[in-house]
Protein backbone atom coordinates (compact mmCIF):
# COMPACT_ATOMS: atom_id res chain seq x y z
CA UNK A 1 -102.40 -39.09 96.75
CA UNK A 2 -101.84 -42.74 96.76
CA UNK A 3 -99.28 -44.34 99.14
CA UNK A 4 -96.05 -45.17 97.57
CA UNK A 5 -95.42 -48.73 98.68
CA UNK A 6 -91.62 -48.29 97.76
CA UNK A 7 -91.35 -45.36 100.22
CA UNK A 8 -93.28 -47.22 102.91
CA UNK A 9 -90.78 -50.30 102.51
CA UNK A 10 -87.79 -47.82 102.70
CA UNK A 11 -89.16 -46.31 105.80
CA UNK A 12 -89.63 -49.75 107.48
CA UNK A 13 -86.07 -50.76 106.70
CA UNK A 14 -84.69 -47.44 108.15
CA UNK A 15 -87.02 -47.89 111.30
CA UNK A 16 -85.43 -51.52 111.60
CA UNK A 17 -81.92 -50.21 111.08
CA UNK A 18 -82.22 -47.30 113.68
CA UNK A 19 -80.48 -44.91 111.11
CA UNK A 20 -80.70 -41.37 110.82
CA UNK A 21 -82.84 -40.34 107.64
CA UNK A 22 -83.79 -37.15 105.86
CA UNK A 23 -87.31 -37.05 104.66
CA UNK A 24 -88.41 -34.71 102.05
CA UNK A 25 -92.21 -33.70 101.82
CA UNK A 26 -92.45 -30.45 99.77
CA UNK A 27 -91.82 -30.74 96.02
CA UNK A 28 -91.80 -26.80 95.83
CA UNK A 29 -88.93 -26.68 98.41
CA UNK A 30 -86.04 -29.00 97.74
CA UNK A 31 -84.34 -27.69 100.78
CA UNK A 32 -87.36 -28.42 102.84
CA UNK A 33 -86.86 -31.53 104.69
CA UNK A 34 -86.71 -33.02 108.05
CA UNK A 35 -84.13 -35.37 109.73
CA UNK A 36 -84.23 -37.83 112.55
CA UNK A 37 -84.93 -41.48 113.35
CA UNK A 38 -87.82 -43.28 111.73
CA UNK A 39 -89.44 -45.12 114.74
CA UNK A 40 -92.68 -46.58 113.35
CA UNK A 41 -94.43 -46.86 109.98
CA UNK A 42 -97.87 -48.03 109.01
CA UNK A 43 -99.69 -47.83 105.75
CA UNK A 44 -100.58 -44.21 106.10
CA UNK A 45 -98.01 -42.62 108.58
CA UNK A 46 -94.55 -42.45 109.79
CA UNK A 47 -93.33 -41.50 113.37
CA UNK A 48 -89.97 -39.92 113.65
CA UNK A 49 -87.84 -38.72 116.41
CA UNK A 50 -86.70 -35.41 114.87
CA UNK A 51 -83.35 -33.65 115.08
CA UNK A 52 -82.35 -30.14 114.67
CA UNK A 53 -79.64 -29.17 112.23
CA UNK A 54 -77.40 -28.96 115.40
CA UNK A 55 -77.87 -32.59 116.25
CA UNK A 56 -80.39 -32.14 119.16
CA UNK A 57 -83.59 -34.09 119.82
CA UNK A 58 -86.55 -31.93 118.88
CA UNK A 59 -89.42 -34.10 119.96
CA UNK A 60 -91.48 -36.50 117.63
CA UNK A 61 -93.59 -35.84 114.61
CA UNK A 62 -96.15 -37.95 112.79
CA UNK A 63 -96.42 -37.28 109.01
CA UNK A 64 -98.32 -38.62 106.24
CA UNK A 65 -96.56 -41.20 104.06
CA UNK A 66 -98.37 -39.80 101.01
CA UNK A 67 -96.59 -36.56 101.67
CA UNK A 68 -93.04 -38.25 101.58
CA UNK A 69 -91.38 -37.79 98.16
CA UNK A 70 -87.88 -38.74 98.98
CA UNK A 71 -85.99 -40.52 101.61
CA UNK A 72 -82.17 -40.33 102.11
CA UNK A 73 -79.97 -42.04 104.80
CA UNK A 74 -76.11 -42.51 105.02
CA UNK A 75 -75.35 -39.27 103.16
CA UNK A 76 -72.83 -36.76 104.48
CA UNK A 77 -75.69 -34.60 106.28
CA UNK A 78 -77.11 -37.62 108.38
CA UNK A 79 -73.34 -38.56 109.07
CA UNK A 80 -72.73 -35.00 110.36
CA UNK A 81 -75.84 -35.14 112.42
CA UNK A 82 -74.69 -38.36 114.13
CA UNK A 83 -71.41 -36.77 114.91
CA UNK A 84 -73.12 -33.66 116.52
CA UNK A 85 -75.56 -35.79 118.50
CA UNK A 86 -72.49 -37.61 119.89
CA UNK A 87 -70.96 -34.18 120.77
CA UNK A 88 -74.08 -33.02 122.50
CA UNK A 89 -74.37 -36.68 124.26
CA UNK A 90 -77.78 -37.00 122.75
CA UNK A 91 -79.29 -40.46 122.51
CA UNK A 92 -82.32 -41.53 120.39
CA UNK A 93 -85.36 -41.28 122.64
CA UNK A 94 -88.10 -43.61 121.89
CA UNK A 95 -91.76 -42.45 121.86
CA UNK A 96 -93.48 -45.79 122.82
CA UNK A 97 -92.28 -48.03 125.66
CA UNK A 98 -94.09 -50.94 123.77
CA UNK A 99 -94.63 -50.37 119.94
CA UNK A 100 -98.01 -50.91 118.53
CA UNK A 101 -98.52 -54.00 116.26
CA UNK A 102 -97.97 -53.22 112.57
CA UNK A 103 -101.68 -53.52 111.62
CA UNK A 104 -102.67 -51.02 114.09
CA UNK A 105 -103.43 -47.22 113.24
CA UNK A 106 -100.25 -45.60 114.05
CA UNK A 107 -101.59 -42.09 114.31
CA UNK A 108 -104.48 -43.18 116.60
CA UNK A 109 -102.00 -44.88 118.69
CA UNK A 110 -99.77 -41.90 119.14
CA UNK A 111 -102.85 -39.68 119.89
CA UNK A 112 -103.97 -42.17 122.63
CA UNK A 113 -100.61 -42.38 124.29
CA UNK A 114 -100.47 -38.52 124.30
CA UNK A 115 -103.88 -38.65 125.98
CA UNK A 116 -102.81 -41.08 128.68
CA UNK A 117 -99.48 -39.03 129.30
CA UNK A 118 -101.27 -35.61 129.11
CA UNK A 119 -98.53 -34.48 126.59
CA UNK A 120 -99.14 -31.12 124.87
CA UNK A 121 -99.57 -31.73 121.05
CA UNK A 122 -99.58 -29.43 118.06
CA UNK A 123 -101.58 -30.30 115.09
CA UNK A 124 -100.82 -28.89 111.59
CA UNK A 125 -103.47 -28.79 108.96
CA UNK A 126 -102.54 -26.66 105.96
CA UNK A 127 -101.61 -23.28 107.07
CA UNK A 128 -103.38 -23.62 110.33
CA UNK A 129 -101.63 -25.00 113.55
CA UNK A 130 -103.33 -25.61 116.90
CA UNK A 131 -101.75 -26.63 120.20
CA UNK A 132 -103.33 -28.39 123.15
CA UNK A 133 -104.14 -31.74 124.92
CA UNK A 134 -105.73 -34.77 123.64
CA UNK A 135 -109.09 -35.28 125.32
CA UNK A 136 -110.67 -38.06 123.24
CA UNK A 137 -109.44 -40.01 120.02
CA UNK A 138 -111.15 -42.74 117.81
CA UNK A 139 -110.43 -43.97 114.34
CA UNK A 140 -112.23 -40.85 112.82
CA UNK A 141 -111.63 -37.97 115.05
CA UNK A 142 -109.80 -36.35 117.82
CA UNK A 143 -110.85 -33.82 120.28
CA UNK A 144 -108.36 -31.32 121.59
CA UNK A 145 -108.37 -28.93 124.55
CA UNK A 146 -106.78 -26.03 123.12
CA UNK A 147 -104.20 -23.74 124.83
CA UNK A 148 -104.27 -20.10 123.91
CA UNK A 149 -101.22 -17.78 123.00
CA UNK A 150 -100.29 -17.47 126.60
CA UNK A 151 -100.74 -21.25 127.59
CA UNK A 152 -104.21 -20.94 129.15
CA UNK A 153 -106.78 -23.58 128.62
CA UNK A 154 -109.20 -22.57 125.89
CA UNK A 155 -112.05 -24.25 123.94
CA UNK A 156 -112.23 -27.68 122.73
CA UNK A 157 -111.86 -28.34 118.94
CA UNK A 158 -112.95 -31.57 117.11
CA UNK A 159 -110.60 -32.64 114.13
CA UNK A 160 -110.84 -35.34 111.53
CA UNK A 161 -107.78 -37.51 111.50
CA UNK A 162 -107.36 -37.51 107.66
CA UNK A 163 -107.10 -33.44 108.00
CA UNK A 164 -103.94 -33.86 110.06
CA UNK A 165 -100.76 -33.30 108.01
CA UNK A 166 -98.22 -33.30 110.85
CA UNK A 167 -98.78 -34.16 114.67
CA UNK A 168 -95.97 -32.77 116.86
CA UNK A 169 -95.09 -33.98 120.30
CA UNK A 170 -92.46 -32.40 122.85
CA UNK A 171 -91.11 -30.24 120.17
CA UNK A 172 -89.63 -26.72 121.02
CA UNK A 173 -93.14 -25.53 120.33
CA UNK A 174 -94.89 -27.79 122.78
CA UNK A 175 -92.17 -27.32 125.49
CA UNK A 176 -92.77 -23.55 125.13
CA UNK A 177 -96.43 -24.07 125.74
CA UNK A 178 -95.62 -26.21 128.77
CA UNK A 179 -93.41 -23.52 130.36
CA UNK A 180 -96.24 -20.86 129.71
CA UNK A 181 -98.80 -23.04 131.39
CA UNK A 182 -96.45 -23.62 134.34
CA UNK A 183 -95.95 -19.93 134.63
CA UNK A 184 -99.63 -19.37 134.67
CA UNK A 185 -100.15 -22.01 137.24
CA UNK A 186 -97.53 -20.33 139.45
CA UNK A 187 -99.16 -17.00 138.88
CA UNK A 188 -102.66 -18.38 139.98
CA UNK A 189 -101.14 -19.90 143.11
CA UNK A 190 -99.94 -16.33 144.15
CA UNK A 191 -103.29 -14.66 143.53
CA UNK A 192 -105.41 -13.83 146.73
CA UNK A 193 -108.37 -16.27 146.89
CA UNK A 194 -110.99 -13.65 145.92
CA UNK A 195 -109.23 -12.97 142.59
CA UNK A 196 -109.11 -16.52 141.56
CA UNK A 197 -111.55 -17.57 138.92
CA UNK A 198 -114.21 -20.08 139.80
């Protein structure tokens, strides 16, 4: 699907304004949308700091611009989210300390930042979702060290960037894996030396 130039323009304005926006990406589900702060936009992707319906920060997601079918801001729903954020004393958390230049690849910039920070990420491709840490990334592919169901390190997987529909960072999903990983680490430190894996 071709990128909608007007949609990108709208997203760039919202990023500049720091306004809460609702983004619709599923033509089959008019109620299926996400809301939050548009942080950065390039010709292919948008980075958002997402909010739960209760006005609490739920990490960041990178989505494809070509999937965006409608953008709303300043409506009652976004106003209510702003009120709930104030109640929860939540503030917009920015992903980057220094935002990449406009002509750089936003998805790649986010992946490289996640690698540097050792962030747990989730990648959604169709009906598949994998979670792990970025080992390597370039303009074509990303290598991810997967975490298994219990937060233990598993095999590596190589993914083509264009396959990625959504990249999640520090959402409830990744936080859960972080907790599982920490529990496993604590369990390993309590094991007698002869029981520890090589």
